[in-house]
């Protein structure tokens, strides 16, 4: 065959081979691109799934944190709050055991130790709670979070007491209020997630620590609120004791003293004329019955009833009548332009108690012959003045703070926004004044916290 034929055949064969090679390269490239796209898509979807799972987990944790905070702040009793802090923190990070160590005022040692997750029978066998040594002491000294995989392998560990549950991992977070560490949360042995392979003493994660730190902030607020609530309760008890003491001194005791004077007077009269003393004995019996009623009201935690339901003028008239009947003093009462509508019932009772105490002091200490009581409106307010012509009160007596009489009168006056003044008269004797300003009239006294 001619040479040209072979050349043409060779050229055609080379062209076909090049085309096949190009197709192979194209197909290989397409295959590689397809595989790469598949792997990339798989990675992208896996990453998205992981992020969605993480978002769901974080949302679930925040929801649990919010629920724990709401449950915690629903309590006000300190003991209940402390136990809830321990219980809720354990549930929040899924720990087998939890504890709350409350520090002393100086933040040097554990004053109270509240546990969660340990049965009562085992708790009783452990003995005294920790005072703040070893790993726990490290948190107290440094005041920062701690997260360790093995408690027994930690350099500061001091071991567990007999009958103490075995514990492996630890997550500790301080509870800080106003820049001061007031306690520490201790969580041990991370439990496996639901459906995961059971594992004892798993490790806590950084996210567990962050979640617990956020909860510790809520716990600090709840603990401080509970402490304030306890202080308010204690203050209310002290105020109520003070009120009882004041009312007993100004009410029951003074009434008993008045009956005593009445009986002394009757003792003198009965020797000369028993018939004349009979009405006085009847009044003394009635007075004692009123006192017994007052004491019964105290027992039932009620206010004494002597001045209840009376307006100011009626109450003053009763006090004057009683003083005249039981002493030889001349007693005058002058009331000018004062109406029962000017005062609230609470203000009326307080003013009558002040008057009763002032008249008792005159009767007991002044050796006076005459007492003048003057009640009038002045500058839109109220002025009550009680003057006697007996022994002049000294500055030492005015400044005396050990007794209850003058102090109680001052406290009662302050309670109705009034001013109480005791001073010697220029002509001898003592002057007592109560001034209630116009803006305080008809205003209500605060109700004691424990009064029903």
Protein backbone atom coordinates (compact mmCIF):
# COMPACT_ATOMS: atom_id res chain seq x y z
CA UNK A 1 0.00 0.00 0.00
CA UNK A 2 1.08 3.53 -0.58
CA UNK A 3 2.88 5.32 2.22
CA UNK A 4 0.18 8.00 2.28
CA UNK A 5 -2.40 5.43 3.38
CA UNK A 6 -0.36 4.45 6.45
CA UNK A 7 0.26 8.05 7.36
CA UNK A 8 -3.46 8.82 7.20
CA UNK A 9 -4.32 5.74 9.30
CA UNK A 10 -1.76 6.69 11.95
CA UNK A 11 -3.10 10.23 12.13
CA UNK A 12 -6.68 9.01 12.52
CA UNK A 13 -5.72 6.56 15.30
CA UNK A 14 -3.86 9.26 17.25
CA UNK A 15 -6.83 11.56 17.01
CA UNK A 16 -9.20 8.91 18.37
CA UNK A 17 -6.80 8.19 21.25
CA UNK A 18 -6.57 11.87 22.16
CA UNK A 19 -10.34 12.13 22.19
CA UNK A 20 -10.66 9.07 24.44
CA UNK A 21 -7.97 10.44 26.76
CA UNK A 22 -9.73 13.78 26.98
CA UNK A 23 -13.03 12.10 27.73
CA UNK A 24 -11.37 10.04 30.44
CA UNK A 25 -9.88 13.14 32.01
CA UNK A 26 -13.20 14.96 31.86
CA UNK A 27 -15.09 12.06 33.37
CA UNK A 28 -12.46 11.65 36.10
CA UNK A 29 -12.63 15.33 36.89
CA UNK A 30 -16.42 15.25 37.05
CA UNK A 31 -16.28 12.22 39.32
CA UNK A 32 -13.80 13.89 41.66
CA UNK A 33 -15.88 17.07 41.75
CA UNK A 34 -18.99 15.04 42.48
CA UNK A 35 -17.30 13.15 45.29
CA UNK A 36 -15.92 16.40 46.71
CA UNK A 37 -19.33 18.01 46.58
CA UNK A 38 -20.84 14.98 48.29
CA UNK A 39 -18.26 15.02 51.07
CA UNK A 40 -18.58 18.80 51.44
CA UNK A 41 -22.38 18.62 51.61
CA UNK A 42 -22.15 15.82 54.13
CA UNK A 43 -19.74 17.90 56.25
CA UNK A 44 -21.93 20.99 55.95
CA UNK A 45 -25.08 19.13 56.97
CA UNK A 46 -23.24 17.42 59.82
CA UNK A 47 -21.93 20.78 61.04
CA UNK A 48 -25.42 22.28 60.81
CA UNK A 49 -26.87 19.33 62.72
CA UNK A 50 -24.22 19.73 65.41
CA UNK A 51 -24.90 23.44 65.69
CA UNK A 52 -28.65 22.84 65.90
CA UNK A 53 -28.12 20.22 68.60
CA UNK A 54 -25.84 22.63 70.47
CA UNK A 55 -28.40 25.44 70.17
CA UNK A 56 -31.14 23.14 71.42
CA UNK A 57 -28.97 21.98 74.29
CA UNK A 58 -28.05 25.53 75.27
CA UNK A 59 -31.69 26.60 75.02
CA UNK A 60 -32.67 23.67 77.21
CA UNK A 61 -29.98 24.62 79.75
CA UNK A 62 -31.08 28.25 79.80
CA UNK A 63 -34.68 27.17 80.20
CA UNK A 64 -33.64 24.94 83.10
CA UNK A 65 -31.63 27.83 84.56
CA UNK A 66 -34.63 30.17 84.32
CA UNK A 67 -36.91 27.58 85.91
CA UNK A 68 -34.39 27.03 88.71
CA UNK A 69 -34.10 30.78 89.32
CA UNK A 70 -37.89 31.18 89.47
CA UNK A 71 -38.23 28.25 91.87
CA UNK A 72 -35.43 29.64 94.02
CA UNK A 73 -36.78 33.18 94.27
CA UNK A 74 -40.24 31.91 95.17
CA UNK A 75 -38.92 31.13 98.67
CA UNK A 76 -38.08 33.53 101.50
CA UNK A 77 -37.25 31.27 104.43
CA UNK A 78 -33.45 31.09 104.63
CA UNK A 79 -33.26 27.39 105.47
CA UNK A 80 -35.53 26.46 102.57
CA UNK A 81 -33.60 28.68 100.16
CA UNK A 82 -30.25 27.13 101.09
CA UNK A 83 -31.56 23.59 100.58
CA UNK A 84 -33.09 24.57 97.24
CA UNK A 85 -29.79 26.05 96.08
CA UNK A 86 -28.10 22.70 96.71
CA UNK A 87 -30.90 20.66 95.10
CA UNK A 88 -31.38 22.84 92.03
CA UNK A 89 -27.65 23.17 91.30
CA UNK A 90 -27.34 19.36 91.30
CA UNK A 91 -30.27 19.00 88.90
CA UNK A 92 -29.00 21.79 86.68
CA UNK A 93 -25.67 20.14 85.77
CA UNK A 94 -26.90 16.55 86.20
CA UNK A 95 -24.63 15.69 89.13
CA UNK A 96 -24.97 12.69 91.42
CA UNK A 97 -24.19 14.69 94.58
CA UNK A 98 -24.36 18.36 95.48
CA UNK A 99 -23.59 20.57 98.47
CA UNK A 100 -23.68 24.19 99.54
CA UNK A 101 -21.11 25.48 101.99
CA UNK A 102 -22.19 28.72 103.68
CA UNK A 103 -19.20 30.69 104.96
CA UNK A 104 -18.92 32.60 108.23
CA UNK A 105 -19.03 36.40 108.30
CA UNK A 106 -15.27 36.61 107.70
CA UNK A 107 -15.35 34.06 104.87
CA UNK A 108 -12.75 31.86 106.57
CA UNK A 109 -14.53 28.58 107.20
CA UNK A 110 -17.73 26.69 106.41
CA UNK A 111 -20.40 27.63 108.93
CA UNK A 112 -23.26 25.58 107.42
CA UNK A 113 -23.06 22.64 105.04
CA UNK A 114 -26.19 21.60 103.14
CA UNK A 115 -26.06 18.43 101.03
CA UNK A 116 -28.19 17.03 98.22
CA UNK A 117 -28.36 13.48 96.85
CA UNK A 118 -27.07 11.72 99.98
CA UNK A 119 -29.75 9.64 101.76
CA UNK A 120 -30.50 10.68 105.33
CA UNK A 121 -29.36 7.39 106.81
CA UNK A 122 -25.95 7.66 105.11
CA UNK A 123 -25.69 11.34 105.97
CA UNK A 124 -26.10 10.52 109.66
CA UNK A 125 -23.22 8.02 109.49
CA UNK A 126 -20.75 10.48 107.96
CA UNK A 127 -20.50 12.57 111.12
CA UNK A 128 -19.63 16.22 111.37
CA UNK A 129 -19.67 18.28 108.15
CA UNK A 130 -16.44 19.61 106.60
CA UNK A 131 -15.02 22.84 107.96
CA UNK A 132 -13.08 23.87 104.86
CA UNK A 133 -9.92 21.82 104.39
CA UNK A 134 -8.39 20.16 101.34
CA UNK A 135 -9.99 20.91 97.97
CA UNK A 136 -12.89 22.73 99.61
CA UNK A 137 -10.45 24.93 101.49
CA UNK A 138 -8.73 25.81 98.22
CA UNK A 139 -11.98 27.27 96.92
CA UNK A 140 -12.52 29.23 100.14
CA UNK A 141 -9.01 30.69 100.01
CA UNK A 142 -8.91 31.53 96.30
CA UNK A 143 -12.60 32.33 95.69
CA UNK A 144 -12.61 31.03 92.13
CA UNK A 145 -14.26 28.10 90.29
CA UNK A 146 -12.55 24.72 90.27
CA UNK A 147 -13.10 21.73 87.95
CA UNK A 148 -11.13 18.53 88.42
CA UNK A 149 -11.44 15.02 87.00
CA UNK A 150 -10.35 13.12 90.11
CA UNK A 151 -10.69 14.35 93.69
CA UNK A 152 -8.47 11.61 95.11
CA UNK A 153 -5.62 12.50 92.74
CA UNK A 154 -5.74 16.23 93.47
CA UNK A 155 -2.73 17.65 95.27
CA UNK A 156 -4.78 19.27 98.04
CA UNK A 157 -7.08 16.36 98.79
CA UNK A 158 -7.35 15.13 102.39
CA UNK A 159 -9.51 12.12 101.63
CA UNK A 160 -13.04 11.19 102.64
CA UNK A 161 -14.24 10.29 106.13
CA UNK A 162 -15.57 6.84 106.92
CA UNK A 163 -19.03 6.05 105.47
CA UNK A 164 -18.67 8.93 102.99
CA UNK A 165 -19.85 8.09 99.43
CA UNK A 166 -17.08 7.63 96.91
CA UNK A 167 -16.77 10.67 94.66
CA UNK A 168 -14.62 11.18 91.58
CA UNK A 169 -15.07 14.40 89.60
CA UNK A 170 -15.73 17.81 91.15
CA UNK A 171 -17.13 21.11 89.95
CA UNK A 172 -17.01 23.98 92.43
CA UNK A 173 -18.31 27.53 91.99
CA UNK A 174 -18.24 30.40 94.52
CA UNK A 175 -21.41 32.33 95.40
CA UNK A 176 -20.50 36.01 95.42
CA UNK A 177 -22.63 38.85 96.77
CA UNK A 178 -21.49 42.48 96.63
CA UNK A 179 -17.94 41.38 95.89
CA UNK A 180 -17.76 39.01 98.87
CA UNK A 181 -17.82 35.21 98.73
CA UNK A 182 -20.69 34.10 100.97
CA UNK A 183 -20.65 30.43 100.05
CA UNK A 184 -19.53 27.73 97.61
CA UNK A 185 -21.38 25.20 95.48
CA UNK A 186 -19.84 21.73 95.20
CA UNK A 187 -21.07 19.24 92.59
CA UNK A 188 -19.55 15.77 92.20
CA UNK A 189 -19.82 12.85 89.75
CA UNK A 190 -21.33 13.98 86.47
CA UNK A 191 -24.13 11.59 85.47
CA UNK A 192 -24.49 10.33 81.88
CA UNK A 193 -27.04 11.87 79.57
CA UNK A 194 -30.28 9.99 79.07
CA UNK A 195 -29.75 7.05 76.69
CA UNK A 196 -25.96 7.19 76.98
CA UNK A 197 -23.83 4.37 78.30
CA UNK A 198 -23.87 4.35 82.09
CA UNK A 199 -20.69 5.73 83.58
CA UNK A 200 -19.92 6.50 87.21
CA UNK A 201 -18.13 9.70 88.06
CA UNK A 202 -18.02 11.36 84.66
CA UNK A 203 -16.27 14.71 84.22
CA UNK A 204 -17.98 18.10 84.14
CA UNK A 205 -17.60 20.28 81.06
CA UNK A 206 -16.75 23.92 80.66
CA UNK A 207 -20.38 24.54 79.71
CA UNK A 208 -21.47 22.93 83.00
CA UNK A 209 -19.21 25.38 84.79
CA UNK A 210 -20.59 28.38 82.89
CA UNK A 211 -24.15 27.28 83.63
CA UNK A 212 -23.40 26.80 87.32
CA UNK A 213 -21.71 30.21 87.53
CA UNK A 214 -24.87 31.85 86.14
CA UNK A 215 -26.96 29.95 88.67
CA UNK A 216 -24.62 31.03 91.49
CA UNK A 217 -25.44 34.66 90.65
CA UNK A 218 -29.17 33.93 91.08
CA UNK A 219 -28.44 31.97 94.26
CA UNK A 220 -26.59 34.95 95.76
CA UNK A 221 -29.61 37.19 95.18
CA UNK A 222 -32.01 34.64 96.67
CA UNK A 223 -29.82 34.09 99.74
CA UNK A 224 -29.47 37.82 100.39
CA UNK A 225 -33.23 38.28 100.00
CA UNK A 226 -33.84 35.48 102.48
CA UNK A 227 -31.39 37.05 104.94
CA UNK A 228 -33.14 40.42 104.61
CA UNK A 229 -36.50 38.73 105.12
CA UNK A 230 -35.19 37.09 108.30
CA UNK A 231 -33.87 40.45 109.53
CA UNK A 232 -37.26 42.05 108.86
CA UNK A 233 -38.96 39.26 110.80
CA UNK A 234 -36.55 39.67 113.71
CA UNK A 235 -37.04 43.44 113.65
CA UNK A 236 -40.81 42.95 113.61
CA UNK A 237 -40.55 40.68 116.65
CA UNK A 238 -38.43 43.25 118.47
CA UNK A 239 -40.87 46.02 117.56
CA UNK A 240 -43.77 43.91 118.74
CA UNK A 241 -41.97 43.16 122.03
CA UNK A 242 -41.29 46.86 122.44
CA UNK A 243 -44.93 47.64 121.77
CA UNK A 244 -46.11 45.02 124.26
CA UNK A 245 -43.70 46.38 126.86
CA UNK A 246 -44.88 49.92 126.22
CA UNK A 247 -48.55 49.02 126.34
CA UNK A 248 -48.10 46.90 129.46
CA UNK A 249 -46.27 49.71 131.21
CA UNK A 250 -48.62 52.47 130.07
CA UNK A 251 -51.79 50.40 130.20
CA UNK A 252 -52.03 47.37 132.45
CA UNK A 253 -49.36 48.33 135.00
CA UNK A 254 -50.68 51.87 135.35
CA UNK A 255 -54.22 50.55 135.76
CA UNK A 256 -53.09 48.13 138.47
CA UNK A 257 -51.26 50.96 140.20
CA UNK A 258 -54.44 53.06 140.08
CA UNK A 259 -56.45 50.24 141.64
CA UNK A 260 -53.79 49.94 144.33
CA UNK A 261 -54.14 53.61 145.21
CA UNK A 262 -57.91 53.25 145.20
CA UNK A 263 -57.72 50.33 147.66
CA UNK A 264 -55.30 52.24 149.90
CA UNK A 265 -57.77 55.11 150.05
CA UNK A 266 -60.63 52.69 150.78
CA UNK A 267 -58.59 51.09 153.56
CA UNK A 268 -58.47 54.43 155.34
CA UNK A 269 -62.16 55.14 154.76
CA UNK A 270 -63.42 51.73 155.83
CA UNK A 271 -62.05 52.28 159.33
CA UNK A 272 -64.29 55.32 159.79
CA UNK A 273 -67.33 54.47 157.64
CA UNK A 274 -67.65 51.10 155.93
CA UNK A 275 -70.86 52.16 154.17
CA UNK A 276 -69.07 55.05 152.44
CA UNK A 277 -66.33 52.71 151.23
CA UNK A 278 -68.72 50.23 149.56
CA UNK A 279 -69.09 52.09 146.21
CA UNK A 280 -65.32 52.42 146.03
CA UNK A 281 -64.89 48.67 146.48
CA UNK A 282 -67.36 48.10 143.63
CA UNK A 283 -65.35 50.44 141.39
CA UNK A 284 -62.13 48.62 142.30
CA UNK A 285 -63.71 45.27 141.41
CA UNK A 286 -64.85 46.65 138.04
CA UNK A 287 -61.40 48.13 137.41
CA UNK A 288 -59.76 44.78 138.14
CA UNK A 289 -62.17 43.12 135.72
CA UNK A 290 -61.11 45.59 133.02
CA UNK A 291 -57.45 44.86 133.74
CA UNK A 292 -58.06 41.10 133.47
CA UNK A 293 -59.77 41.73 130.13
CA UNK A 294 -56.73 43.71 128.96
CA UNK A 295 -54.35 40.93 129.99
CA UNK A 296 -56.51 38.39 128.19
CA UNK A 297 -56.34 40.54 125.08
CA UNK A 298 -52.54 40.59 125.32
CA UNK A 299 -52.51 36.80 125.52
CA UNK A 300 -54.67 36.66 122.40
CA UNK A 301 -52.27 39.11 120.73
CA UNK A 302 -54.84 41.93 120.65
CA UNK A 303 -54.46 45.57 121.56
CA UNK A 304 -55.74 46.59 125.04
CA UNK A 305 -59.31 47.79 124.87
CA UNK A 306 -59.46 50.51 127.55
CA UNK A 307 -59.33 53.44 125.13
CA UNK A 308 -60.77 51.68 122.08
CA UNK A 309 -63.94 53.30 120.72
CA UNK A 310 -63.52 56.53 122.69
CA UNK A 311 -62.80 59.93 121.24
CA UNK A 312 -60.09 62.09 122.77
CA UNK A 313 -62.36 64.25 124.93
CA UNK A 314 -64.19 61.22 126.33
CA UNK A 315 -60.91 59.52 127.16
CA UNK A 316 -59.48 62.60 128.88
CA UNK A 317 -62.69 63.06 130.89
CA UNK A 318 -62.44 59.45 132.08
CA UNK A 319 -58.80 59.92 133.15
CA UNK A 320 -59.66 63.12 135.02
CA UNK A 321 -62.60 61.48 136.77
CA UNK A 322 -60.39 58.57 137.86
CA UNK A 323 -57.66 60.88 139.17
CA UNK A 324 -60.15 62.94 141.16
CA UNK A 325 -61.74 59.84 142.64
CA UNK A 326 -58.46 58.32 143.82
CA UNK A 327 -56.48 61.35 145.02
CA UNK A 328 -57.06 64.58 146.88
CA UNK A 329 -55.72 66.67 144.00
CA UNK A 330 -57.69 69.33 142.22
CA UNK A 331 -57.88 68.38 138.54
CA UNK A 332 -59.14 70.69 135.80
CA UNK A 333 -59.73 69.88 132.13
CA UNK A 334 -60.09 72.54 129.44
CA UNK A 335 -60.85 71.56 125.84
CA UNK A 336 -60.99 74.27 123.17
CA UNK A 337 -62.07 73.75 119.53
CA UNK A 338 -61.03 70.08 119.34
CA UNK A 339 -63.26 67.62 117.54
CA UNK A 340 -63.18 63.82 117.44
CA UNK A 341 -62.96 64.14 113.64
CA UNK A 342 -59.52 65.76 113.92
CA UNK A 343 -57.79 62.50 114.88
CA UNK A 344 -57.68 58.94 113.70
CA UNK A 345 -58.56 56.23 116.28
CA UNK A 346 -54.91 55.21 116.46
CA UNK A 347 -53.78 58.78 117.20
CA UNK A 348 -56.48 59.11 119.86
CA UNK A 349 -55.30 55.95 121.66
CA UNK A 350 -51.67 57.07 121.62
CA UNK A 351 -52.49 60.55 123.01
CA UNK A 352 -54.60 59.02 125.79
CA UNK A 353 -51.76 56.68 126.75
CA UNK A 354 -49.38 59.65 126.90
CA UNK A 355 -51.84 61.53 129.11
CA UNK A 356 -52.33 58.52 131.38
CA UNK A 357 -48.58 58.12 131.84
CA UNK A 358 -48.14 61.86 132.56
CA UNK A 359 -50.91 61.83 135.18
CA UNK A 360 -49.47 58.67 136.76
CA UNK A 361 -46.10 60.41 137.10
CA UNK A 362 -47.78 63.37 138.76
CA UNK A 363 -49.59 61.09 141.18
CA UNK A 364 -46.51 59.00 142.00
CA UNK A 365 -43.72 61.57 142.10
CA UNK A 366 -44.88 65.20 142.07
CA UNK A 367 -46.64 65.53 145.45
CA UNK A 368 -48.85 68.05 143.67
CA UNK A 369 -52.08 69.67 144.87
CA UNK A 370 -53.41 70.67 141.48
CA UNK A 371 -53.17 69.45 137.89
CA UNK A 372 -54.35 71.41 134.85
CA UNK A 373 -54.98 69.68 131.51
CA UNK A 374 -55.43 71.90 128.47
CA UNK A 375 -56.25 70.65 124.96
CA UNK A 376 -56.57 73.08 122.07
CA UNK A 377 -55.93 73.65 118.37
CA UNK A 378 -52.83 75.72 117.68
CA UNK A 379 -51.39 76.73 114.29
CA UNK A 380 -53.65 74.20 112.64
CA UNK A 381 -52.25 71.42 114.81
CA UNK A 382 -53.00 70.07 118.27
CA UNK A 383 -51.51 71.10 121.62
CA UNK A 384 -51.93 69.06 124.79
CA UNK A 385 -50.49 70.65 127.96
CA UNK A 386 -50.42 69.06 131.43
CA UNK A 387 -49.13 71.19 134.33
CA UNK A 388 -48.84 70.48 138.03
CA UNK A 389 -47.79 72.59 141.04
CA UNK A 390 -45.79 69.87 142.74
CA UNK A 391 -42.11 69.01 142.88
CA UNK A 392 -40.17 70.55 140.00
CA UNK A 393 -38.67 67.99 137.69
CA UNK A 394 -34.89 68.06 137.44
CA UNK A 395 -32.77 67.96 134.31
CA UNK A 396 -31.40 64.60 135.47
CA UNK A 397 -34.94 63.20 135.51
CA UNK A 398 -35.68 64.67 132.09
CA UNK A 399 -32.56 63.12 130.58
CA UNK A 400 -33.02 59.78 132.36
CA UNK A 401 -33.21 56.99 129.77
CA UNK A 402 -33.25 53.89 131.98
CA UNK A 403 -36.92 54.18 132.94
CA UNK A 404 -39.78 53.42 130.58
CA UNK A 405 -42.17 56.28 131.35
CA UNK A 406 -40.68 59.31 129.59
CA UNK A 407 -39.14 57.15 126.89
CA UNK A 408 -42.49 55.54 126.11
CA UNK A 409 -44.18 58.93 125.92
CA UNK A 410 -41.52 60.19 123.52
CA UNK A 411 -41.84 57.07 121.39
CA UNK A 412 -45.61 57.35 121.25
CA UNK A 413 -45.37 61.02 120.30
CA UNK A 414 -42.85 60.21 117.57
CA UNK A 415 -45.19 57.51 116.28
CA UNK A 416 -47.90 60.08 115.56
CA UNK A 417 -45.38 62.57 114.14
CA UNK A 418 -45.67 64.72 117.23
CA UNK A 419 -43.19 66.46 119.52
CA UNK A 420 -42.99 65.65 123.23
CA UNK A 421 -41.54 68.17 125.70
CA UNK A 422 -41.00 67.92 129.47
CA UNK A 423 -39.74 70.98 131.35
CA UNK A 424 -39.88 72.62 134.78
CA UNK A 425 -42.38 75.43 135.34
CA UNK A 426 -41.10 78.84 136.29
CA UNK A 427 -43.35 78.95 139.37
CA UNK A 428 -42.54 75.39 140.40
CA UNK A 429 -43.90 72.09 139.23
CA UNK A 430 -43.64 70.39 135.84
CA UNK A 431 -45.05 71.04 132.40
CA UNK A 432 -45.63 68.28 129.83
CA UNK A 433 -46.54 69.22 126.27
CA UNK A 434 -47.49 67.18 123.23
CA UNK A 435 -47.60 69.04 119.93
CA UNK A 436 -49.04 67.35 116.86
CA UNK A 437 -48.55 69.38 113.64
CA UNK A 438 -51.41 70.06 111.25
CA UNK A 439 -50.02 67.82 108.51
CA UNK A 440 -50.01 64.83 110.88
CA UNK A 441 -53.63 65.10 111.95
CA UNK A 442 -55.97 62.41 110.66
CA UNK A 443 -52.98 60.37 109.38
CA UNK A 444 -52.86 56.68 110.14
CA UNK A 445 -50.20 55.06 112.24
CA UNK A 446 -48.26 52.20 110.57
CA UNK A 447 -49.72 48.82 111.42
CA UNK A 448 -47.24 46.55 113.27
CA UNK A 449 -46.00 43.76 110.98
CA UNK A 450 -47.15 40.96 113.26
CA UNK A 451 -50.50 42.46 114.24
CA UNK A 452 -53.56 40.78 112.75
